[in-house]
Amino acid sequence: MTTASTSPFAVLNQTTATSFNEQKNLIKRVFKGKPVQCPSCKQTLKVILPEQAKAEQAAGIYCAKGCTDIELDIEAVAGL
């Protein structure tokens, strides 16, 4: 019988939590104005704000090659 620490769900939950925290920290660094490189291609990430976004691209954080593509729901916080 498997224990909770070795169950597939425990591994999935830990992996998901780690990924979420890494992405959250990356977003924080970008919004602090620090230059941040894409973890995959090492190119500088850029922020696309809602007023800069085109019809086919949402507001978010992107790299030039497209390997980092974080869509942000900025409109939700704009009314605060």
C-alpha atoms as a PDB file:
ATOM      1  CA  MET A   1       0.000   0.000   0.000  1.00  0.00           C
ATOM      2  CA  THR A   2       1.319   3.453  -0.857  1.00  0.00           C
ATOM      3  CA  THR A   3       1.657   6.198   1.675  1.00  0.00           C
ATOM      4  CA  ALA A   4       0.411   9.743   1.177  1.00  0.00           C
ATOM      5  CA  SER A   5       3.915  11.053   0.529  1.00  0.00           C
ATOM      6  CA  THR A   6       4.515   8.674  -2.391  1.00  0.00           C
ATOM      7  CA  SER A   7       1.053   8.662  -3.913  1.00  0.00           C
ATOM      8  CA  PRO A   8       0.710  10.017  -7.459  1.00  0.00           C
ATOM      9  CA  PHE A   9      -1.532  12.810  -6.203  1.00  0.00           C
ATOM     10  CA  ALA A  10       1.037  13.953  -3.647  1.00  0.00           C
ATOM     11  CA  VAL A  11       3.702  14.105  -6.345  1.00  0.00           C
ATOM     12  CA  LEU A  12       1.355  15.983  -8.689  1.00  0.00           C
ATOM     13  CA  ASN A  13       0.365  18.444  -5.954  1.00  0.00           C
ATOM     14  CA  GLN A  14       4.013  19.121  -5.063  1.00  0.00           C
ATOM     15  CA  THR A  15       4.983  19.617  -8.719  1.00  0.00           C
ATOM     16  CA  THR A  16       2.040  21.949  -9.309  1.00  0.00           C
ATOM     17  CA  ALA A  17       2.794  23.991  -6.190  1.00  0.00           C
ATOM     18  CA  THR A  18       6.458  24.341  -7.152  1.00  0.00           C
ATOM     19  CA  SER A  19       5.585  25.435 -10.690  1.00  0.00           C
ATOM     20  CA  PHE A  20       3.004  27.939  -9.431  1.00  0.00           C
ATOM     21  CA  ASN A  21       5.474  29.500  -6.974  1.00  0.00           C
ATOM     22  CA  GLU A  22       8.205  29.766  -9.629  1.00  0.00           C
ATOM     23  CA  GLN A  23       5.795  31.479 -12.025  1.00  0.00           C
ATOM     24  CA  LYS A  24       4.516  33.803  -9.288  1.00  0.00           C
ATOM     25  CA  ASN A  25       8.070  34.847  -8.404  1.00  0.00           C
ATOM     26  CA  LEU A  26       8.898  35.437 -12.080  1.00  0.00           C
ATOM     27  CA  ILE A  27       5.831  37.700 -12.423  1.00  0.00           C
ATOM     28  CA  LYS A  28       6.836  39.626  -9.278  1.00  0.00           C
ATOM     29  CA  ARG A  29      10.358  40.229 -10.618  1.00  0.00           C
ATOM     30  CA  VAL A  30       9.013  41.433 -13.973  1.00  0.00           C
ATOM     31  CA  PHE A  31       6.568  43.864 -12.347  1.00  0.00           C
ATOM     32  CA  LYS A  32       9.323  45.229 -10.105  1.00  0.00           C
ATOM     33  CA  GLY A  33      11.013  46.377 -13.303  1.00  0.00           C
ATOM     34  CA  LYS A  34      13.926  43.973 -13.097  1.00  0.00           C
ATOM     35  CA  PRO A  35      15.179  42.447 -16.353  1.00  0.00           C
ATOM     36  CA  VAL A  36      14.116  38.807 -16.351  1.00  0.00           C
ATOM     37  CA  GLN A  37      15.207  36.196 -18.859  1.00  0.00           C
ATOM     38  CA  CYS A  38      13.060  33.389 -20.222  1.00  0.00           C
ATOM     39  CA  PRO A  39      13.949  30.156 -18.396  1.00  0.00           C
ATOM     40  CA  SER A  40      14.109  28.293 -21.731  1.00  0.00           C
ATOM     41  CA  CYS A  41      15.768  30.577 -24.301  1.00  0.00           C
ATOM     42  CA  LYS A  42      17.335  33.190 -21.974  1.00  0.00           C
ATOM     43  CA  GLN A  43      15.873  36.136 -23.919  1.00  0.00           C
ATOM     44  CA  THR A  44      14.517  39.115 -21.985  1.00  0.00           C
ATOM     45  CA  LEU A  45      10.832  38.891 -21.163  1.00  0.00           C
ATOM     46  CA  LYS A  46       8.510  41.734 -22.086  1.00  0.00           C
ATOM     47  CA  VAL A  47       5.206  42.858 -20.600  1.00  0.00           C
ATOM     48  CA  ILE A  48       2.260  43.580 -22.856  1.00  0.00           C
ATOM     49  CA  LEU A  49      -0.256  45.820 -21.073  1.00  0.00           C
ATOM     50  CA  PRO A  50      -3.971  45.837 -22.014  1.00  0.00           C
ATOM     51  CA  GLU A  51      -3.664  49.098 -23.955  1.00  0.00           C
ATOM     52  CA  GLN A  52      -0.704  47.661 -25.914  1.00  0.00           C
ATOM     53  CA  ALA A  53      -2.300  44.275 -26.612  1.00  0.00           C
ATOM     54  CA  LYS A  54      -3.422  43.473 -30.124  1.00  0.00           C
ATOM     55  CA  ALA A  55      -6.634  41.627 -30.943  1.00  0.00           C
ATOM     56  CA  GLU A  56      -4.867  38.260 -31.260  1.00  0.00           C
ATOM     57  CA  GLN A  57      -2.635  38.712 -28.197  1.00  0.00           C
ATOM     58  CA  ALA A  58      -3.767  39.151 -24.619  1.00  0.00           C
ATOM     59  CA  ALA A  59      -2.053  41.204 -21.924  1.00  0.00           C
ATOM     60  CA  GLY A  60       0.740  39.235 -20.318  1.00  0.00           C
ATOM     61  CA  ILE A  61       4.418  38.379 -20.119  1.00  0.00           C
ATOM     62  CA  TYR A  62       6.104  36.950 -23.201  1.00  0.00           C
ATOM     63  CA  CYS A  63       9.500  36.182 -24.689  1.00  0.00           C
ATOM     64  CA  ALA A  64      10.328  36.827 -28.348  1.00  0.00           C
ATOM     65  CA  LYS A  65      10.424  33.123 -29.265  1.00  0.00           C
ATOM     66  CA  GLY A  66       7.144  32.341 -27.497  1.00  0.00           C
ATOM     67  CA  CYS A  67       8.441  29.738 -25.058  1.00  0.00           C
ATOM     68  CA  THR A  68       7.276  31.911 -22.127  1.00  0.00           C
ATOM     69  CA  ASP A  69       3.649  32.884 -22.534  1.00  0.00           C
ATOM     70  CA  ILE A  70       1.928  34.020 -19.332  1.00  0.00           C
ATOM     71  CA  GLU A  71      -1.474  35.563 -19.938  1.00  0.00           C
ATOM     72  CA  LEU A  72      -2.509  37.973 -17.190  1.00  0.00           C
ATOM     73  CA  ASP A  73      -6.013  39.050 -16.234  1.00  0.00           C
ATOM     74  CA  ILE A  74      -5.000  42.679 -15.687  1.00  0.00           C
ATOM     75  CA  GLU A  75      -8.488  44.055 -16.424  1.00  0.00           C
ATOM     76  CA  ALA A  76      -9.750  42.384 -13.242  1.00  0.00           C
ATOM     77  CA  VAL A  77      -7.487  44.530 -11.046  1.00  0.00           C
ATOM     78  CA  ALA A  78      -7.751  47.728 -13.098  1.00  0.00           C
ATOM     79  CA  GLY A  79     -11.005  48.703 -11.399  1.00  0.00           C
ATOM     80  CA  LEU A  80      -9.575  48.553  -7.869  1.00  0.00           C
END
